[in-house]
Amino acid sequence: MRIYKGSLIGHPVENVRIVLTDGASHSVDSSELAFKLASIYAFRQILDQCYTAAKPVILEPVMLVELKIPTEFQGTVAGDKNKRKGVIVGNDQDGDDSIITAHVPLNNMFGYSTALRSMTQGKGEFTMEYKEHLPVSQDVQMQLVKTYKAGKAAG
């Protein structure tokens, strides 16, 4: 099941499972509409009560980044990957070039082309493709929630 607007930061919520275990009908008061409305009301109550207890996490897209750079710039580029919260998973040689493979959050890759050109005097290149979604760090999640609540309170 998917919820299109979650209460944590207003984004979609996925992988939710709700099991209805009981229900009763009455010959006068029961109708399809009554059951639908009751389930919507019950779902909202459950969501409000249990959502926080479930300890939801915010996911972010993580990219597989492969860099080909002259070996002389390897230290500078690797340091920059760490600043961007990237995890270097591979480092190979191809002649005078280093091939660095890393997993980096997409949000930290904006403006990277310019930064790489600057770090490598225009000699570096990279490719990037989607790898997976992973939870953001706790401090990032707290900041996102705080920003969302402030915006919601402001109207």
C-alpha atoms as a PDB file:
ATOM      1  CA  MET A   1       0.000   0.000   0.000  1.00  0.00           C
ATOM      2  CA  ARG A   2       1.148   3.564  -0.613  1.00  0.00           C
ATOM      3  CA  ILE A   3       0.184   6.726   1.233  1.00  0.00           C
ATOM      4  CA  TYR A   4       0.561   9.769  -0.982  1.00  0.00           C
ATOM      5  CA  LYS A   5       1.211  12.280   1.804  1.00  0.00           C
ATOM      6  CA  GLY A   6       2.890  11.073   4.961  1.00  0.00           C
ATOM      7  CA  SER A   7       2.852  13.034   8.200  1.00  0.00           C
ATOM      8  CA  LEU A   8       6.635  13.036   8.664  1.00  0.00           C
ATOM      9  CA  ILE A   9       7.540  15.479   5.850  1.00  0.00           C
ATOM     10  CA  GLY A  10       4.541  15.303   3.530  1.00  0.00           C
ATOM     11  CA  HIS A  11       6.110  12.903   1.020  1.00  0.00           C
ATOM     12  CA  PRO A  12       4.778   9.528  -0.115  1.00  0.00           C
ATOM     13  CA  VAL A  13       5.027   6.609   2.299  1.00  0.00           C
ATOM     14  CA  GLU A  14       5.581   3.143   0.908  1.00  0.00           C
ATOM     15  CA  ASN A  15       5.484  -0.434   2.158  1.00  0.00           C
ATOM     16  CA  VAL A  16       2.585   0.088   4.553  1.00  0.00           C
ATOM     17  CA  ARG A  17       0.474  -2.895   5.446  1.00  0.00           C
ATOM     18  CA  ILE A  18      -2.797  -2.746   7.356  1.00  0.00           C
ATOM     19  CA  VAL A  19      -4.842  -5.810   8.146  1.00  0.00           C
ATOM     20  CA  LEU A  20      -8.518  -5.498   8.991  1.00  0.00           C
ATOM     21  CA  THR A  21      -9.284  -8.270  11.454  1.00  0.00           C
ATOM     22  CA  ASP A  22     -12.878  -7.652  12.398  1.00  0.00           C
ATOM     23  CA  GLY A  23     -16.030  -5.910  11.315  1.00  0.00           C
ATOM     24  CA  ALA A  24     -19.719  -6.047  11.970  1.00  0.00           C
ATOM     25  CA  SER A  25     -22.735  -5.152   9.949  1.00  0.00           C
ATOM     26  CA  HIS A  26     -26.182  -3.979  10.842  1.00  0.00           C
ATOM     27  CA  SER A  27     -29.159  -4.502   8.568  1.00  0.00           C
ATOM     28  CA  VAL A  28     -30.269  -0.851   8.794  1.00  0.00           C
ATOM     29  CA  ASP A  29     -27.022   1.138   9.227  1.00  0.00           C
ATOM     30  CA  SER A  30     -24.612  -0.885   7.077  1.00  0.00           C
ATOM     31  CA  SER A  31     -23.830   0.024   3.512  1.00  0.00           C
ATOM     32  CA  GLU A  32     -20.805   0.004   1.251  1.00  0.00           C
ATOM     33  CA  LEU A  33     -20.387   3.759   1.774  1.00  0.00           C
ATOM     34  CA  ALA A  34     -20.610   3.392   5.552  1.00  0.00           C
ATOM     35  CA  PHE A  35     -17.845   0.770   5.528  1.00  0.00           C
ATOM     36  CA  LYS A  36     -15.650   2.929   3.283  1.00  0.00           C
ATOM     37  CA  LEU A  37     -16.089   5.990   5.496  1.00  0.00           C
ATOM     38  CA  ALA A  38     -15.471   3.974   8.645  1.00  0.00           C
ATOM     39  CA  SER A  39     -12.297   2.481   7.190  1.00  0.00           C
ATOM     40  CA  ILE A  40     -11.010   5.928   6.167  1.00  0.00           C
ATOM     41  CA  TYR A  41     -11.651   7.282   9.675  1.00  0.00           C
ATOM     42  CA  ALA A  42     -10.061   4.231  11.311  1.00  0.00           C
ATOM     43  CA  PHE A  43      -7.067   4.426   8.982  1.00  0.00           C
ATOM     44  CA  ARG A  44      -6.463   8.083   9.864  1.00  0.00           C
ATOM     45  CA  GLN A  45      -6.612   7.256  13.579  1.00  0.00           C
ATOM     46  CA  ILE A  46      -4.206   4.353  13.166  1.00  0.00           C
ATOM     47  CA  LEU A  47      -1.837   6.410  11.067  1.00  0.00           C
ATOM     48  CA  ASP A  48      -1.730   9.228  13.604  1.00  0.00           C
ATOM     49  CA  GLN A  49      -1.214   6.875  16.552  1.00  0.00           C
ATOM     50  CA  CYS A  50       1.144   4.320  15.066  1.00  0.00           C
ATOM     51  CA  TYR A  51       3.153   6.235  12.492  1.00  0.00           C
ATOM     52  CA  THR A  52       5.621   7.705  14.954  1.00  0.00           C
ATOM     53  CA  ALA A  53       5.834   4.465  16.927  1.00  0.00           C
ATOM     54  CA  ALA A  54       6.867   2.689  13.735  1.00  0.00           C
ATOM     55  CA  LYS A  55      10.009   4.889  13.602  1.00  0.00           C
ATOM     56  CA  PRO A  56       9.715   5.904   9.947  1.00  0.00           C
ATOM     57  CA  VAL A  57      12.845   6.901   8.054  1.00  0.00           C
ATOM     58  CA  ILE A  58      13.333   9.267   5.162  1.00  0.00           C
ATOM     59  CA  LEU A  59      15.019   7.696   2.166  1.00  0.00           C
ATOM     60  CA  GLU A  60      17.242   9.435  -0.356  1.00  0.00           C
ATOM     61  CA  PRO A  61      18.471   8.285  -3.745  1.00  0.00           C
ATOM     62  CA  VAL A  62      22.082   7.114  -3.770  1.00  0.00           C
ATOM     63  CA  MET A  63      24.027   7.136  -6.996  1.00  0.00           C
ATOM     64  CA  LEU A  64      26.799   4.887  -8.295  1.00  0.00           C
ATOM     65  CA  VAL A  65      29.505   7.316  -9.413  1.00  0.00           C
ATOM     66  CA  GLU A  66      32.517   6.283 -11.480  1.00  0.00           C
ATOM     67  CA  LEU A  67      35.318   8.810 -11.916  1.00  0.00           C
ATOM     68  CA  LYS A  68      38.225   8.679 -14.314  1.00  0.00           C
ATOM     69  CA  ILE A  69      40.891  11.159 -13.251  1.00  0.00           C
ATOM     70  CA  PRO A  70      44.632  11.617 -13.618  1.00  0.00           C
ATOM     71  CA  THR A  71      46.336   9.848 -10.708  1.00  0.00           C
ATOM     72  CA  GLU A  72      47.927  13.090  -9.500  1.00  0.00           C
ATOM     73  CA  PHE A  73      44.457  14.372  -8.458  1.00  0.00           C
ATOM     74  CA  GLN A  74      43.340  11.196  -6.689  1.00  0.00           C
ATOM     75  CA  GLY A  75      43.794  12.503  -3.133  1.00  0.00           C
ATOM     76  CA  THR A  76      41.925  15.734  -3.789  1.00  0.00           C
ATOM     77  CA  VAL A  77      39.021  14.005  -5.525  1.00  0.00           C
ATOM     78  CA  ALA A  78      38.784  11.264  -2.873  1.00  0.00           C
ATOM     79  CA  GLY A  79      38.692  13.927  -0.152  1.00  0.00           C
ATOM     80  CA  ASP A  80      35.890  15.714  -1.985  1.00  0.00           C
ATOM     81  CA  LYS A  81      33.907  12.461  -2.194  1.00  0.00           C
ATOM     82  CA  ASN A  82      34.163  12.152   1.590  1.00  0.00           C
ATOM     83  CA  LYS A  83      32.914  15.738   2.008  1.00  0.00           C
ATOM     84  CA  ARG A  84      29.931  14.830  -0.146  1.00  0.00           C
ATOM     85  CA  LYS A  85      29.169  11.896   2.204  1.00  0.00           C
ATOM     86  CA  GLY A  86      30.234   9.433  -0.465  1.00  0.00           C
ATOM     87  CA  VAL A  87      31.576   5.970   0.201  1.00  0.00           C
ATOM     88  CA  ILE A  88      34.455   4.906  -2.029  1.00  0.00           C
ATOM     89  CA  VAL A  89      33.926   1.261  -2.971  1.00  0.00           C
ATOM     90  CA  GLY A  90      36.604   0.820  -5.597  1.00  0.00           C
ATOM     91  CA  ASN A  91      39.879   2.277  -6.797  1.00  0.00           C
ATOM     92  CA  ASP A  92      41.662   0.944  -9.893  1.00  0.00           C
ATOM     93  CA  GLN A  93      44.394   2.089 -12.256  1.00  0.00           C
ATOM     94  CA  ASP A  94      44.070   2.511 -16.026  1.00  0.00           C
ATOM     95  CA  GLY A  95      47.472   3.650 -17.257  1.00  0.00           C
ATOM     96  CA  ASP A  96      48.048   7.141 -15.872  1.00  0.00           C
ATOM     97  CA  ASP A  97      44.452   7.442 -14.725  1.00  0.00           C
ATOM     98  CA  SER A  98      42.694   6.389 -11.554  1.00  0.00           C
ATOM     99  CA  ILE A  99      39.203   4.929 -11.703  1.00  0.00           C
ATOM    100  CA  ILE A 100      37.319   5.645  -8.487  1.00  0.00           C
ATOM    101  CA  THR A 101      33.925   4.060  -7.829  1.00  0.00           C
ATOM    102  CA  ALA A 102      31.759   5.511  -5.082  1.00  0.00           C
ATOM    103  CA  HIS A 103      28.212   5.570  -3.734  1.00  0.00           C
ATOM    104  CA  VAL A 104      27.086   9.170  -3.212  1.00  0.00           C
ATOM    105  CA  PRO A 105      23.726  10.667  -2.207  1.00  0.00           C
ATOM    106  CA  LEU A 106      22.193  12.399  -5.227  1.00  0.00           C
ATOM    107  CA  ASN A 107      21.581  15.595  -3.281  1.00  0.00           C
ATOM    108  CA  ASN A 108      25.347  15.930  -2.763  1.00  0.00           C
ATOM    109  CA  MET A 109      26.114  15.588  -6.480  1.00  0.00           C
ATOM    110  CA  PHE A 110      24.575  18.864  -7.619  1.00  0.00           C
ATOM    111  CA  GLY A 111      27.266  21.089  -9.106  1.00  0.00           C
ATOM    112  CA  TYR A 112      29.748  18.240  -9.229  1.00  0.00           C
ATOM    113  CA  SER A 113      30.740  18.705 -12.878  1.00  0.00           C
ATOM    114  CA  THR A 114      32.094  22.174 -12.127  1.00  0.00           C
ATOM    115  CA  ALA A 115      33.825  21.012  -8.950  1.00  0.00           C
ATOM    116  CA  LEU A 116      35.492  18.066 -10.726  1.00  0.00           C
ATOM    117  CA  ARG A 117      36.737  20.281 -13.556  1.00  0.00           C
ATOM    118  CA  SER A 118      38.190  22.660 -10.984  1.00  0.00           C
ATOM    119  CA  MET A 119      39.881  19.887  -8.972  1.00  0.00           C
ATOM    120  CA  THR A 120      41.380  18.162 -12.040  1.00  0.00           C
ATOM    121  CA  GLN A 121      42.168  21.151 -14.257  1.00  0.00           C
ATOM    122  CA  GLY A 122      39.464  19.962 -16.639  1.00  0.00           C
ATOM    123  CA  LYS A 123      40.981  16.485 -17.055  1.00  0.00           C
ATOM    124  CA  GLY A 124      38.533  14.458 -14.941  1.00  0.00           C
ATOM    125  CA  GLU A 125      35.275  12.890 -16.008  1.00  0.00           C
ATOM    126  CA  PHE A 126      32.541  10.943 -14.295  1.00  0.00           C
ATOM    127  CA  THR A 127      29.411   8.921 -14.902  1.00  0.00           C
ATOM    128  CA  MET A 128      26.534   8.588 -12.499  1.00  0.00           C
ATOM    129  CA  GLU A 129      23.624   6.166 -12.337  1.00  0.00           C
ATOM    130  CA  TYR A 130      20.948   5.348  -9.805  1.00  0.00           C
ATOM    131  CA  LYS A 131      21.909   2.633  -7.319  1.00  0.00           C
ATOM    132  CA  GLU A 132      19.320   2.530  -4.515  1.00  0.00           C
ATOM    133  CA  HIS A 133      17.446   4.466  -1.862  1.00  0.00           C
ATOM    134  CA  LEU A 134      18.982   4.516   1.616  1.00  0.00           C
ATOM    135  CA  PRO A 135      17.949   6.208   4.882  1.00  0.00           C
ATOM    136  CA  VAL A 136      19.264   9.726   5.438  1.00  0.00           C
ATOM    137  CA  SER A 137      21.343  10.342   8.558  1.00  0.00           C
ATOM    138  CA  GLN A 138      19.471  11.080  11.789  1.00  0.00           C
ATOM    139  CA  ASP A 139      20.559  14.742  11.842  1.00  0.00           C
ATOM    140  CA  VAL A 140      19.408  15.269   8.236  1.00  0.00           C
ATOM    141  CA  GLN A 141      16.074  13.619   9.032  1.00  0.00           C
ATOM    142  CA  MET A 142      15.566  15.833  12.082  1.00  0.00           C
ATOM    143  CA  GLN A 143      16.336  18.944   9.996  1.00  0.00           C
ATOM    144  CA  LEU A 144      13.910  17.895   7.240  1.00  0.00           C
ATOM    145  CA  VAL A 145      11.138  17.271   9.779  1.00  0.00           C
ATOM    146  CA  LYS A 146      11.825  20.602  11.485  1.00  0.00           C
ATOM    147  CA  THR A 147      11.720  22.469   8.150  1.00  0.00           C
ATOM    148  CA  TYR A 148       8.501  20.711   7.129  1.00  0.00           C
ATOM    149  CA  LYS A 149       6.765  21.486  10.425  1.00  0.00           C
ATOM    150  CA  ALA A 150       7.863  25.129  10.279  1.00  0.00           C
ATOM    151  CA  GLY A 151       6.506  25.463   6.745  1.00  0.00           C
ATOM    152  CA  LYS A 152       3.274  23.746   7.702  1.00  0.00           C
ATOM    153  CA  ALA A 153       2.807  26.051  10.711  1.00  0.00           C
ATOM    154  CA  ALA A 154       3.434  29.122   8.544  1.00  0.00           C
ATOM    155  CA  GLY A 155       0.634  28.011   6.270  1.00  0.00           C
END
